[in-house]
Protein backbone atom coordinates (compact mmCIF):
# COMPACT_ATOMS: atom_id res chain seq x y z
CA MET A 1 121.76 103.68 -5.37
CA ALA A 2 121.52 104.69 -1.72
CA GLU A 3 121.31 108.39 -0.91
CA GLN A 4 121.32 110.39 2.31
CA GLY A 5 118.23 112.49 3.00
CA GLU A 6 117.83 115.92 4.51
CA GLY A 7 116.30 114.60 7.72
CA SER A 8 116.56 111.49 9.89
CA ARG A 9 114.44 109.22 12.04
CA VAL A 10 115.58 107.14 15.02
CA VAL A 11 114.31 103.56 15.13
CA THR A 12 114.06 102.02 18.61
CA HIS A 13 113.67 98.46 19.85
CA PRO A 14 110.11 97.89 21.13
CA PHE A 15 111.22 95.69 24.04
CA ASP A 16 113.70 98.00 25.79
CA GLY A 17 113.53 101.27 23.84
CA ASN A 18 117.19 101.18 22.85
CA GLU A 19 118.18 102.87 19.60
CA VAL A 20 118.46 100.41 16.72
CA ALA A 21 119.28 102.68 13.80
CA THR A 22 119.07 106.20 12.46
CA VAL A 23 117.34 106.26 9.08
CA ALA A 24 117.69 109.05 6.55
CA VAL A 25 114.39 110.65 5.51
CA PRO A 26 114.36 111.60 1.82
CA SER A 27 113.88 115.21 0.80
CA ALA A 28 111.08 116.43 -1.46
CA ASP A 29 113.55 116.55 -4.35
CA GLN A 30 114.62 112.94 -3.75
CA VAL A 31 110.99 111.78 -3.61
CA GLU A 32 110.30 113.60 -6.88
CA ARG A 33 113.34 112.06 -8.59
CA ALA A 34 112.39 108.56 -7.41
CA THR A 35 108.82 108.96 -8.69
CA ALA A 36 109.95 110.38 -12.02
CA ALA A 37 112.50 107.58 -12.41
CA ALA A 38 109.82 104.94 -11.80
CA ALA A 39 107.57 106.48 -14.45
CA ALA A 40 110.45 106.76 -16.94
CA CYS A 41 111.57 103.19 -16.27
CA ALA A 42 108.16 101.61 -16.83
CA PRO A 43 108.44 101.06 -20.63
CA THR A 44 111.96 99.68 -20.29
CA LEU A 45 111.08 97.26 -17.51
CA THR A 46 107.96 96.09 -19.33
CA ARG A 47 110.07 95.25 -22.40
CA THR A 48 112.66 93.42 -20.31
CA SER A 49 112.44 89.71 -21.02
CA ALA A 50 110.72 87.41 -18.56
CA HIS A 51 113.96 85.43 -18.35
CA THR A 52 115.91 88.51 -17.24
CA ARG A 53 113.35 89.46 -14.61
CA ALA A 54 113.13 85.87 -13.36
CA GLU A 55 116.90 85.69 -13.01
CA ALA A 56 116.88 88.93 -10.99
CA LEU A 57 114.17 87.56 -8.70
CA GLN A 58 116.07 84.30 -8.26
CA GLN A 59 119.19 86.26 -7.33
CA VAL A 60 117.27 88.21 -4.69
CA SER A 61 115.88 84.96 -3.27
CA ARG A 62 119.35 83.42 -3.10
CA THR A 63 120.86 86.51 -1.46
CA LEU A 64 118.12 86.62 1.16
CA ALA A 65 118.80 82.97 1.97
CA GLU A 66 122.54 83.64 2.23
CA ARG A 67 121.97 86.65 4.49
CA ALA A 68 119.15 85.06 6.48
CA GLU A 69 120.83 85.50 9.85
CA GLU A 70 121.46 89.19 9.19
CA PHE A 71 117.86 89.83 8.08
CA THR A 72 116.54 87.85 11.06
CA GLU A 73 118.43 90.09 13.48
CA VAL A 74 117.31 93.25 11.67
CA ILE A 75 113.64 92.21 11.89
CA THR A 76 113.94 91.41 15.60
CA ALA A 77 115.82 94.63 16.30
CA GLU A 78 113.29 96.99 14.74
CA SER A 79 110.00 95.13 15.30
CA GLY A 80 110.59 93.17 18.50
CA LYS A 81 109.52 89.97 16.78
CA PRO A 82 111.14 86.96 18.50
CA LEU A 83 114.05 85.43 16.59
CA HIS A 84 112.03 82.26 15.96
CA TRP A 85 109.35 84.15 14.04
CA ALA A 86 111.79 86.60 12.46
CA HIS A 87 113.59 83.62 10.94
CA ALA A 88 110.24 82.34 9.67
CA GLU A 89 109.62 85.72 8.05
CA VAL A 90 112.94 85.63 6.21
CA ASN A 91 112.11 82.17 4.89
CA ARG A 92 108.76 83.44 3.67
CA ALA A 93 110.48 86.26 1.77
CA VAL A 94 112.91 83.78 0.22
CA THR A 95 109.96 81.69 -0.95
CA VAL A 96 108.05 84.69 -2.30
CA PHE A 97 110.91 85.86 -4.53
CA ARG A 98 111.58 82.32 -5.72
CA THR A 99 107.90 81.80 -6.50
CA ALA A 100 107.71 85.11 -8.36
CA ALA A 101 110.67 84.03 -10.49
CA GLU A 102 108.85 80.84 -11.46
CA LYS A 103 105.60 82.67 -12.19
CA ALA A 104 107.38 85.33 -14.26
CA ARG A 105 108.52 82.59 -16.66
CA ASP A 106 105.20 80.79 -17.07
CA ARG A 107 102.90 83.71 -17.80
CA SER A 108 100.75 83.16 -20.88
CA GLY A 109 97.80 84.69 -22.69
CA ARG A 110 94.60 83.29 -24.15
CA VAL A 111 93.97 82.74 -27.84
CA GLN A 112 90.47 82.67 -29.33
CA HIS A 113 89.86 81.66 -32.97
CA LEU A 114 87.42 83.95 -34.76
CA ASP A 115 86.37 81.63 -37.62
CA ASP A 116 82.90 80.95 -36.20
CA HIS A 117 81.88 84.57 -35.63
CA PRO A 118 79.22 85.56 -38.25
CA ASN A 119 80.85 88.92 -39.03
CA SER A 120 84.44 87.76 -38.72
CA ARG A 121 87.01 87.82 -41.47
CA GLY A 122 88.78 84.97 -39.70
CA GLY A 123 91.95 85.16 -37.64
CA VAL A 124 92.58 84.98 -33.92
CA ALA A 125 92.13 87.18 -30.87
CA LEU A 126 94.99 87.27 -28.35
CA LEU A 127 94.24 88.25 -24.75
CA ARG A 128 97.32 88.92 -22.65
CA ARG A 129 97.94 90.66 -19.35
CA VAL A 130 100.01 93.84 -19.30
CA PRO A 131 101.12 95.99 -16.32
CA ARG A 132 98.80 98.74 -15.15
CA GLY A 133 101.81 100.94 -14.45
CA PRO A 134 104.24 101.82 -11.64
CA VAL A 135 103.16 100.78 -8.14
CA LEU A 136 103.16 102.64 -4.85
CA ALA A 137 103.47 100.00 -2.11
CA ILE A 138 102.59 100.98 1.46
CA ALA A 139 103.66 98.35 3.99
CA PRO A 140 102.89 97.94 7.73
CA PHE A 141 105.19 97.34 10.68
CA SER A 142 103.98 93.81 11.42
CA SER A 143 106.14 91.95 8.88
CA PRO A 144 108.69 94.50 7.68
CA LEU A 145 110.43 92.17 5.24
CA SER A 146 107.90 89.61 4.01
CA LEU A 147 105.04 92.04 3.39
CA VAL A 148 107.38 94.24 1.36
CA ALA A 149 108.52 91.14 -0.53
CA HIS A 150 104.88 90.29 -1.27
CA LYS A 151 104.59 93.63 -3.07
CA VAL A 152 108.01 93.92 -4.74
CA ALA A 153 108.34 90.39 -6.12
CA PRO A 154 105.00 90.32 -8.05
CA ALA A 155 105.73 93.79 -9.45
CA PHE A 156 109.03 92.66 -10.95
CA ALA A 157 107.46 89.42 -12.11
CA VAL A 158 104.98 91.32 -14.29
CA GLY A 159 107.54 93.94 -15.30
CA THR A 160 106.49 97.12 -13.53
CA PRO A 161 108.47 99.54 -11.30
CA ILE A 162 107.62 99.92 -7.63
CA VAL A 163 108.08 102.64 -5.01
CA VAL A 164 108.00 101.24 -1.46
CA LYS A 165 106.88 103.28 1.53
CA PRO A 166 107.79 101.14 4.58
CA SER A 167 106.34 101.70 8.03
CA SER A 168 108.04 104.56 9.85
CA ARG A 169 108.35 102.21 12.83
CA THR A 170 110.16 99.46 10.89
CA PRO A 171 111.93 100.89 7.81
CA VAL A 172 115.29 99.14 8.19
CA SER A 173 114.36 95.73 6.73
CA ALA A 174 113.00 97.37 3.57
CA LEU A 175 116.10 99.52 3.20
CA VAL A 176 118.42 96.52 3.54
CA LEU A 177 116.25 94.68 1.01
CA GLY A 178 116.79 97.70 -1.25
CA GLU A 179 120.53 97.03 -1.10
CA VAL A 180 119.87 93.49 -2.30
CA LEU A 181 117.60 94.72 -5.11
CA ALA A 182 120.30 97.18 -6.22
CA GLU A 183 122.59 94.24 -6.98
CA ALA A 184 119.99 92.30 -8.99
CA GLY A 185 120.70 93.97 -12.34
CA LEU A 186 117.34 95.69 -12.77
CA PRO A 187 117.03 98.91 -14.79
CA SER A 188 117.61 102.24 -13.02
CA GLY A 189 114.35 103.49 -11.53
CA ALA A 190 112.81 100.02 -11.18
CA PHE A 191 112.48 100.42 -7.43
CA ALA A 192 112.86 102.92 -4.61
CA VAL A 193 112.48 102.65 -0.85
CA LEU A 194 111.23 105.92 0.62
CA PRO A 195 110.80 106.07 4.44
CA VAL A 196 108.71 109.25 4.26
CA ASN A 197 106.18 110.78 6.65
CA HIS A 198 102.39 110.63 6.57
CA GLU A 199 101.94 113.83 4.58
CA THR A 200 104.41 112.84 1.87
CA THR A 201 102.84 109.38 1.66
CA PHE A 202 99.50 110.90 0.71
CA GLU A 203 101.21 113.13 -1.84
CA LEU A 204 102.52 109.93 -3.42
CA VAL A 205 99.05 108.37 -3.25
CA ARG A 206 97.69 111.31 -5.22
CA ASP A 207 100.54 111.28 -7.79
CA ASN A 208 99.15 110.02 -11.11
CA ARG A 209 102.56 108.73 -12.18
CA LEU A 210 101.96 105.88 -9.72
CA PRO A 211 98.62 104.55 -11.04
CA VAL A 212 98.52 101.51 -8.74
CA VAL A 213 98.46 101.70 -4.93
CA SER A 214 99.02 98.50 -2.93
CA PHE A 215 98.25 98.97 0.76
CA THR A 216 98.44 96.57 3.71
CA GLY A 217 97.36 97.72 7.14
CA SER A 218 94.40 98.79 9.24
CA GLY A 219 90.95 99.30 7.78
CA ALA A 220 90.74 102.97 8.73
CA ALA A 221 94.07 103.82 7.12
CA GLY A 222 93.34 101.70 4.05
CA TRP A 223 90.00 103.34 3.31
CA SER A 224 91.54 106.79 3.73
CA VAL A 225 94.11 105.80 1.10
CA ALA A 226 91.37 104.58 -1.24
CA ASP A 227 89.35 107.77 -0.73
CA CYS A 228 92.43 109.84 -1.52
CA ALA A 229 92.94 108.10 -4.90
CA PRO A 230 89.44 107.22 -6.19
CA ARG A 231 90.54 106.97 -9.83
CA LYS A 232 93.51 104.72 -9.21
CA HIS A 233 93.63 100.94 -9.08
CA THR A 234 93.87 100.36 -5.34
CA VAL A 235 94.71 97.00 -3.78
CA LEU A 236 93.76 96.89 -0.10
CA GLU A 237 94.68 94.15 2.36
CA LEU A 238 92.90 95.12 5.57
CA GLY A 239 92.51 93.56 8.99
CA GLY A 240 92.28 89.96 10.06
CA ASN A 241 90.29 88.65 13.07
CA ALA A 242 90.86 85.08 11.90
CA ALA A 243 88.87 82.27 13.51
CA ALA A 244 89.39 78.62 14.42
CA VAL A 245 86.50 76.18 14.86
CA VAL A 246 86.92 72.91 16.82
CA LEU A 247 84.02 70.53 16.24
CA ALA A 248 82.97 67.56 18.35
CA ASP A 249 84.26 64.94 15.90
CA TRP A 250 87.87 66.16 16.16
CA THR A 251 89.90 63.58 18.08
CA ASP A 252 93.24 65.27 18.80
CA LEU A 253 92.14 68.05 21.11
CA ASP A 254 95.61 68.54 22.59
CA GLY A 255 97.06 68.96 19.10
CA ALA A 256 94.38 71.48 18.13
CA ALA A 257 94.98 73.38 21.36
CA GLN A 258 98.72 73.57 20.72
CA ARG A 259 98.24 74.83 17.16
CA ILE A 260 95.68 77.45 18.18
CA ALA A 261 97.75 78.66 21.15
CA THR A 262 100.83 78.97 18.95
CA PHE A 263 99.09 80.76 16.09
CA GLY A 264 96.89 82.86 18.30
CA THR A 265 100.02 84.48 19.70
CA TYR A 266 102.68 84.08 17.00
CA GLN A 267 104.27 87.37 16.00
CA THR A 268 102.70 88.60 19.28
CA GLY A 269 99.33 88.53 17.58
CA GLN A 270 100.44 91.24 15.16
CA SER A 271 99.56 89.40 11.97
CA CYS A 272 96.39 89.41 9.88
CA LEU A 273 96.40 85.59 10.03
CA THR A 274 96.69 85.37 13.81
CA VAL A 275 93.83 83.34 15.30
CA GLN A 276 91.82 85.59 17.59
CA ARG A 277 88.38 83.94 17.75
CA VAL A 278 87.92 80.29 18.73
CA VAL A 279 84.60 78.46 18.49
CA VAL A 280 84.33 75.05 20.16
CA GLN A 281 81.38 72.68 20.18
CA ARG A 282 79.87 72.20 23.64
CA GLU A 283 80.39 68.39 23.85
CA ILE A 284 84.17 68.87 23.94
CA ALA A 285 84.37 72.42 25.32
CA ALA A 286 85.52 71.60 28.86
CA GLU A 287 88.33 69.27 27.78
CA PHE A 288 89.46 71.48 24.90
CA VAL A 289 89.47 74.76 26.83
CA ASP A 290 91.52 73.15 29.63
CA ALA A 291 94.07 72.01 27.02
CA LEU A 292 94.10 75.42 25.35
CA ALA A 293 94.60 77.21 28.68
CA ALA A 294 97.55 74.96 29.50
CA ALA A 295 99.08 75.58 26.07
CA VAL A 296 98.67 79.37 26.41
CA ARG A 297 100.22 79.42 29.88
CA ALA A 298 103.21 77.43 28.61
CA LEU A 299 104.14 80.08 26.03
CA SER A 300 107.43 81.79 26.83
CA THR A 301 107.55 85.59 26.87
CA GLY A 302 110.33 88.12 27.28
CA ASP A 303 113.35 89.39 25.40
CA PRO A 304 112.84 88.58 21.69
CA TYR A 305 116.58 87.99 21.30
CA ASN A 306 116.19 84.92 23.52
CA PRO A 307 115.83 82.00 21.04
CA ASP A 308 113.40 80.24 23.43
CA VAL A 309 110.96 83.17 23.54
CA ARG A 310 107.83 82.82 21.41
CA VAL A 311 105.83 85.91 22.46
CA GLY A 312 107.71 89.19 22.43
CA PRO A 313 106.64 92.81 22.81
CA VAL A 314 103.98 94.59 20.77
CA VAL A 315 105.07 97.56 18.70
CA ASP A 316 104.79 100.22 21.43
CA GLU A 317 103.42 100.90 24.92
CA GLU A 318 100.33 102.69 23.61
CA THR A 319 99.39 99.54 21.69
CA ALA A 320 99.99 97.41 24.80
CA GLN A 321 97.67 99.66 26.80
CA ARG A 322 95.00 99.44 24.10
CA ILE A 323 95.16 95.61 24.11
CA THR A 324 94.82 95.31 27.89
CA SER A 325 91.94 97.80 27.80
CA SER A 326 90.21 95.55 25.23
CA ILE A 327 90.70 92.56 27.55
CA GLU A 328 89.17 94.47 30.47
CA ALA A 329 86.22 95.53 28.32
CA ALA A 330 85.59 91.90 27.30
CA VAL A 331 85.51 90.83 30.97
CA GLU A 332 83.09 93.65 31.75
CA ALA A 333 80.92 92.42 28.86
CA GLY A 334 80.68 88.95 30.43
CA ALA A 335 83.79 87.01 29.36
CA THR A 336 85.79 84.94 31.84
CA LEU A 337 89.55 85.55 32.03
CA LEU A 338 91.30 82.15 32.16
CA SER A 339 94.91 83.33 31.82
CA GLY A 340 96.96 86.42 31.11
CA GLY A 341 95.40 89.84 30.84
CA THR A 342 98.33 91.85 32.21
CA ARG A 343 101.28 93.64 30.67
CA GLU A 344 104.76 94.78 31.58
CA GLY A 345 105.81 97.70 29.43
CA THR A 346 105.25 96.64 25.83
CA THR A 347 104.94 92.92 26.66
CA VAL A 348 101.34 91.69 26.94
CA GLU A 349 100.92 88.35 28.68
CA PRO A 350 99.36 85.72 26.38
CA THR A 351 95.67 85.91 27.21
CA LEU A 352 92.75 83.46 27.03
CA LEU A 353 89.13 84.50 27.50
CA ARG A 354 86.11 82.18 27.59
CA ASP A 355 82.44 82.85 26.81
CA VAL A 356 83.20 86.05 24.94
CA PRO A 357 79.88 87.59 23.81
CA SER A 358 79.58 87.75 20.02
CA ASP A 359 78.37 91.35 20.19
CA SER A 360 81.43 92.50 22.16
CA GLU A 361 84.23 94.51 20.59
CA MET A 362 86.63 91.65 21.36
CA TRP A 363 84.65 89.34 19.06
CA GLN A 364 83.72 91.87 16.41
CA ARG A 365 87.06 93.59 15.80
CA GLU A 366 90.70 92.64 15.47
CA VAL A 367 92.67 93.15 18.69
CA TYR A 368 96.08 92.75 17.02
CA GLY A 369 97.68 91.29 20.12
CA PRO A 370 98.33 87.90 21.82
CA VAL A 371 94.69 87.34 22.81
CA LEU A 372 92.39 84.36 22.22
CA ALA A 373 88.63 84.73 22.64
CA VAL A 374 86.61 81.50 23.03
CA ALA A 375 82.89 81.04 22.41
CA VAL A 376 80.96 77.77 22.85
CA ALA A 377 78.47 76.57 20.21
CA ASP A 378 75.74 73.96 20.61
CA SER A 379 75.83 72.83 16.98
CA VAL A 380 77.71 73.05 13.70
CA ASP A 381 75.13 75.57 12.52
CA GLU A 382 75.79 77.83 15.49
CA ALA A 383 79.58 77.43 15.18
CA LEU A 384 79.60 78.61 11.56
CA ALA A 385 77.19 81.42 12.39
CA LEU A 386 79.50 82.63 15.17
CA VAL A 387 82.42 82.85 12.75
CA ASN A 388 80.30 84.95 10.39
CA ASP A 389 78.99 87.12 13.23
CA SER A 390 81.79 89.68 13.15
CA GLU A 391 82.77 92.81 11.26
CA GLY A 392 85.27 90.84 9.22
CA GLY A 393 87.57 87.87 9.11
CA LEU A 394 90.33 87.09 6.67
CA ARG A 395 90.50 83.30 7.09
CA ALA A 396 89.18 80.47 9.19
CA GLY A 397 90.44 77.05 10.23
CA VAL A 398 87.98 74.23 10.90
CA PHE A 399 89.03 71.16 12.88
CA THR A 400 86.76 68.39 11.60
CA HIS A 401 87.07 64.94 10.05
CA ASP A 402 83.68 65.21 8.34
CA LEU A 403 84.14 65.93 4.65
CA ARG A 404 80.56 67.13 4.29
CA VAL A 405 81.07 69.70 7.03
CA ALA A 406 84.37 70.73 5.45
CA PHE A 407 82.73 71.55 2.12
CA ARG A 408 79.87 73.26 3.89
CA ALA A 409 82.29 75.46 5.86
CA SER A 410 84.12 76.33 2.65
CA ALA A 411 80.85 77.43 1.07
CA GLU A 412 79.22 79.21 4.02
CA LEU A 413 82.01 80.93 5.96
CA GLU A 414 82.32 84.59 4.95
CA VAL A 415 86.11 84.62 4.74
CA ASP A 416 88.70 84.67 1.95
CA GLY A 417 90.00 81.19 2.72
CA VAL A 418 89.24 78.12 4.84
CA VAL A 419 91.78 75.60 6.12
CA ILE A 420 90.40 72.21 7.16
CA GLY A 421 92.13 70.35 9.97
CA ASP A 422 94.44 73.18 11.01
CA VAL A 423 94.72 76.85 11.89
CA PRO A 424 94.42 79.34 9.03
CA SER A 425 97.92 80.66 9.63
CA ASP A 426 99.76 77.42 8.90
CA ASP A 427 102.01 78.98 6.23
CA ALA A 428 104.06 80.67 8.95
CA ASP A 429 104.79 77.32 10.55
CA VAL A 430 105.94 75.92 7.22
CA ALA A 431 108.28 78.87 6.86
CA ALA A 432 109.59 78.42 10.39
CA GLN A 433 110.65 74.90 9.49
CA GLY A 434 112.49 76.21 6.44
CA ALA A 435 110.49 73.97 4.12
CA ALA A 436 109.82 74.66 0.47
CA THR A 437 106.18 74.07 -0.25
CA SER A 438 103.55 74.95 -2.80
CA SER A 439 100.78 75.15 -0.23
CA GLY A 440 101.93 78.09 1.86
CA THR A 441 102.22 81.80 1.35
CA GLY A 442 103.68 82.63 -2.03
CA TYR A 443 102.11 80.17 -4.44
CA GLY A 444 98.64 81.55 -3.80
CA ALA A 445 99.46 85.14 -2.98
CA VAL A 446 102.01 85.86 -5.72
CA PRO A 447 99.82 84.93 -8.73
CA ALA A 448 96.90 86.85 -7.21
CA ALA A 449 99.09 89.93 -6.74
CA MET A 450 100.42 89.61 -10.29
CA GLU A 451 96.86 89.61 -11.60
CA GLU A 452 96.00 92.69 -9.54
CA LEU A 453 98.97 94.58 -11.00
CA THR A 454 97.95 93.83 -14.60
CA HIS A 455 94.95 94.07 -16.88
CA GLU A 456 93.90 92.21 -20.00
CA ARG A 457 94.68 93.68 -23.41
CA LEU A 458 93.10 92.45 -26.63
CA THR A 459 94.96 92.05 -29.92
CA VAL A 460 93.07 90.83 -33.01
CA LEU A 461 95.08 89.27 -35.81
CA ASN A 462 92.80 89.29 -38.85
CA ASP A 463 93.20 86.85 -41.71
CA ALA A 464 93.13 89.84 -44.04
CA LEU A 465 96.65 90.62 -42.85
CA GLY A 466 97.84 87.66 -44.86
């Protein structure tokens, strides 16, 4: 149930600074009761049938779909994300809960017959996955609903309680989601949403009653969380700096330019799957860069409540200043500014840079803003090497029709995933269209998260029992 805290925090709209909401901050006693309730609930939730948990997840998915307009407006209000992308985020959350419901029902173990073992007395060995224990989920501001959903839904699918610490900048979406979860029929203590401060967050990280910590955010913050809880099972999702490669055999250069411009700036670049680095083969570089520049200049900026706006404000003015400083540093390092590069308050103009040196900070690190950095490669070998020549990259998209190159990119690129023939952030576009699909976010991420939240347990059933 919802409770009022001892303190409060004002949430403001990033675009104009107007007050959006006043959020209650839980007291130390409320944090303690929520943590104790999660620990006490764990055995009950684990024993709850998969059918019951799946039905609860389905109900949450349906309610999110029914209240999509409300959640869209909440996301835009607190994060400044344009309505177009806020709607996409709600659709992603709907899909995640629906997917988790399906996966909760089809979980199975592995059976191994022991007849052939020389010292066996016969029987079978059963390997099944069981929850590691209650989860502390720490979510960022960038996707205040869907990234919380990506943590909550898998936890309920495997049958473990979860305590959510939303970003202090964007806590409202998680709190409204908490209202939906409260109506899903889950046991008391199965979840809590605690918009606490930095100090209290690290107290929760150190609390052994929450043996799993799931963190999404910056690398520096993530590693400090891991260092604070070295004996816990820590799941870290850090950074992005995604790349797109356009090779000489790709025929639809205008189409590639449109996709890269859109997903280099969607969610104002504040997504780990936003394309930041673009590598283009020299034979097509002039034509492609002209098309990309035109596509970037055509992007509409401004008030995120305007349904035609695609690039809204970043989270605060300090972040906007940091992004423009990074652009200036890239130009000083030798890059050519083709468009953008300026800001007005928290709104950074969509920016395109060409010939960005691979040893520059712009190429090596995630900017987390609406900025595209282009480098030109003389060969496929050099193009793939440029993608790998950075401090990290979550995914890459490779525009090629050559199947041999596609498999080579999949094997050689040092990223978690490769998309052939499109940008690596295509799942957001699927969500924006409201489509149900098995290829986007949810079907891959949910099972992986479920596996992270569980471990294998062995049970041997010996023939001697009979």
